[in-house]
Amino acid sequence: MESSHNKEQSNETFSPVSTKDSFRVIMALVAHFDLHLHQMDVKTTFLNGNRASRQWYLKFDEVIKSQGFIDNLVDECIYMRFNGKILSFYSYM
């Protein structure tokens, strides 16, 4: 049984991870609509210890939402922005 102290500590370091199913849906949409796909990796993300993952996610979430993106209700790693006819996806894994 997890104590409340351990639960609080795990919530402080938790950052969501996208599911394989969400990744597959995005890849299917890219293929079906012949969309352009861009990928990047931030290699210095986890240099600051245990809480780096959570802090990175919180900052990413703040910045991406300030750009008009909304997070998905099912997978909070998926962000969408509707801009006329264009549907943009951002996946944070």
C-alpha atoms as a PDB file:
ATOM      1  CA  MET A   1       0.000   0.000   0.000  1.00  0.00           C
ATOM      2  CA  GLU A   2       1.387   3.379  -0.996  1.00  0.00           C
ATOM      3  CA  SER A   3       1.529   6.014   1.716  1.00  0.00           C
ATOM      4  CA  SER A   4       0.210   9.503   1.072  1.00  0.00           C
ATOM      5  CA  HIS A   5       3.767  10.837   1.372  1.00  0.00           C
ATOM      6  CA  ASN A   6       4.977   8.536  -1.426  1.00  0.00           C
ATOM      7  CA  LYS A   7       1.914   9.382  -3.499  1.00  0.00           C
ATOM      8  CA  GLU A   8       2.619  13.112  -3.177  1.00  0.00           C
ATOM      9  CA  GLN A   9       6.242  12.596  -4.189  1.00  0.00           C
ATOM     10  CA  SER A  10       5.264  10.551  -7.240  1.00  0.00           C
ATOM     11  CA  ASN A  11       2.755  13.242  -8.304  1.00  0.00           C
ATOM     12  CA  GLU A  12       5.511  15.844  -8.126  1.00  0.00           C
ATOM     13  CA  THR A  13       7.706  13.900 -10.548  1.00  0.00           C
ATOM     14  CA  PHE A  14       4.986  12.470 -12.793  1.00  0.00           C
ATOM     15  CA  SER A  15       4.829  13.490 -16.414  1.00  0.00           C
ATOM     16  CA  PRO A  16       2.352  11.901 -18.808  1.00  0.00           C
ATOM     17  CA  VAL A  17       3.442   9.564 -21.567  1.00  0.00           C
ATOM     18  CA  SER A  18       1.518   9.207 -24.798  1.00  0.00           C
ATOM     19  CA  THR A  19       0.055   5.802 -25.592  1.00  0.00           C
ATOM     20  CA  LYS A  20       1.049   3.635 -28.547  1.00  0.00           C
ATOM     21  CA  ASP A  21      -2.540   3.845 -29.802  1.00  0.00           C
ATOM     22  CA  SER A  22      -2.410   7.651 -29.878  1.00  0.00           C
ATOM     23  CA  PHE A  23       0.866   7.527 -31.775  1.00  0.00           C
ATOM     24  CA  ARG A  24      -0.670   5.117 -34.308  1.00  0.00           C
ATOM     25  CA  VAL A  25      -3.711   7.367 -34.794  1.00  0.00           C
ATOM     26  CA  ILE A  26      -1.466  10.352 -35.473  1.00  0.00           C
ATOM     27  CA  MET A  27       0.612   8.350 -37.960  1.00  0.00           C
ATOM     28  CA  ALA A  28      -2.579   7.165 -39.700  1.00  0.00           C
ATOM     29  CA  LEU A  29      -3.853  10.755 -39.977  1.00  0.00           C
ATOM     30  CA  VAL A  30      -0.502  11.913 -41.354  1.00  0.00           C
ATOM     31  CA  ALA A  31      -0.587   9.159 -43.980  1.00  0.00           C
ATOM     32  CA  HIS A  32      -4.271   9.544 -44.867  1.00  0.00           C
ATOM     33  CA  PHE A  33      -4.205  13.329 -45.284  1.00  0.00           C
ATOM     34  CA  ASP A  34      -0.649  13.414 -46.709  1.00  0.00           C
ATOM     35  CA  LEU A  35       0.454  15.753 -43.927  1.00  0.00           C
ATOM     36  CA  HIS A  36       3.965  16.903 -43.147  1.00  0.00           C
ATOM     37  CA  LEU A  37       5.440  15.368 -40.015  1.00  0.00           C
ATOM     38  CA  HIS A  38       8.163  16.965 -37.930  1.00  0.00           C
ATOM     39  CA  GLN A  39       9.997  15.323 -35.035  1.00  0.00           C
ATOM     40  CA  MET A  40      12.466  16.641 -32.511  1.00  0.00           C
ATOM     41  CA  ASP A  41      14.351  15.448 -29.474  1.00  0.00           C
ATOM     42  CA  VAL A  42      15.480  17.608 -26.574  1.00  0.00           C
ATOM     43  CA  LYS A  43      18.563  15.844 -25.258  1.00  0.00           C
ATOM     44  CA  THR A  44      19.095  18.062 -22.204  1.00  0.00           C
ATOM     45  CA  THR A  45      15.613  17.579 -20.758  1.00  0.00           C
ATOM     46  CA  PHE A  46      16.541  15.243 -17.920  1.00  0.00           C
ATOM     47  CA  LEU A  47      19.831  16.712 -16.713  1.00  0.00           C
ATOM     48  CA  ASN A  48      18.226  18.182 -13.594  1.00  0.00           C
ATOM     49  CA  GLY A  49      17.314  15.068 -11.625  1.00  0.00           C
ATOM     50  CA  ASN A  50      14.074  13.356 -10.695  1.00  0.00           C
ATOM     51  CA  ARG A  51      11.723  16.304 -11.132  1.00  0.00           C
ATOM     52  CA  ALA A  52      13.026  17.334 -14.540  1.00  0.00           C
ATOM     53  CA  SER A  53      10.402  15.272 -16.359  1.00  0.00           C
ATOM     54  CA  ARG A  54       7.517  16.935 -14.532  1.00  0.00           C
ATOM     55  CA  GLN A  55       8.969  20.437 -14.845  1.00  0.00           C
ATOM     56  CA  TRP A  56       9.600  19.968 -18.562  1.00  0.00           C
ATOM     57  CA  TYR A  57       6.010  18.775 -19.094  1.00  0.00           C
ATOM     58  CA  LEU A  58       4.510  21.671 -17.101  1.00  0.00           C
ATOM     59  CA  LYS A  59       6.525  24.259 -19.053  1.00  0.00           C
ATOM     60  CA  PHE A  60       5.757  22.591 -22.397  1.00  0.00           C
ATOM     61  CA  ASP A  61       2.052  22.470 -21.498  1.00  0.00           C
ATOM     62  CA  GLU A  62       2.052  26.168 -20.578  1.00  0.00           C
ATOM     63  CA  VAL A  63       3.852  27.266 -23.751  1.00  0.00           C
ATOM     64  CA  ILE A  64       1.889  25.094 -26.184  1.00  0.00           C
ATOM     65  CA  LYS A  65      -1.470  26.168 -24.702  1.00  0.00           C
ATOM     66  CA  SER A  66      -0.410  29.827 -24.942  1.00  0.00           C
ATOM     67  CA  GLN A  67      -0.076  29.219 -28.701  1.00  0.00           C
ATOM     68  CA  GLY A  68      -3.752  28.225 -28.995  1.00  0.00           C
ATOM     69  CA  PHE A  69      -3.414  24.458 -28.670  1.00  0.00           C
ATOM     70  CA  ILE A  70      -5.787  22.406 -26.538  1.00  0.00           C
ATOM     71  CA  ASP A  71      -4.947  19.082 -24.959  1.00  0.00           C
ATOM     72  CA  ASN A  72      -6.859  15.935 -25.777  1.00  0.00           C
ATOM     73  CA  LEU A  73      -9.358  14.662 -23.200  1.00  0.00           C
ATOM     74  CA  VAL A  74      -8.222  11.044 -23.599  1.00  0.00           C
ATOM     75  CA  ASP A  75      -4.453  11.494 -23.970  1.00  0.00           C
ATOM     76  CA  GLU A  76      -3.053  14.648 -22.399  1.00  0.00           C
ATOM     77  CA  CYS A  77       0.127  14.314 -24.453  1.00  0.00           C
ATOM     78  CA  ILE A  78      -1.754  15.135 -27.636  1.00  0.00           C
ATOM     79  CA  TYR A  79      -2.400  18.789 -28.431  1.00  0.00           C
ATOM     80  CA  MET A  80      -4.578  20.103 -31.249  1.00  0.00           C
ATOM     81  CA  ARG A  81      -5.158  23.479 -32.835  1.00  0.00           C
ATOM     82  CA  PHE A  82      -7.848  24.202 -35.375  1.00  0.00           C
ATOM     83  CA  ASN A  83      -6.843  26.970 -37.736  1.00  0.00           C
ATOM     84  CA  GLY A  84      -9.295  27.216 -40.622  1.00  0.00           C
ATOM     85  CA  LYS A  85      -8.922  23.999 -42.607  1.00  0.00           C
ATOM     86  CA  ILE A  86      -5.682  22.982 -40.934  1.00  0.00           C
ATOM     87  CA  LEU A  87      -5.642  20.606 -37.996  1.00  0.00           C
ATOM     88  CA  SER A  88      -2.290  20.562 -36.205  1.00  0.00           C
ATOM     89  CA  PHE A  89      -1.187  17.819 -33.812  1.00  0.00           C
ATOM     90  CA  TYR A  90       1.598  18.007 -31.331  1.00  0.00           C
ATOM     91  CA  SER A  91       2.516  14.894 -29.458  1.00  0.00           C
ATOM     92  CA  TYR A  92       4.680  15.083 -26.401  1.00  0.00           C
ATOM     93  CA  MET A  93       6.171  11.728 -25.452  1.00  0.00           C
END
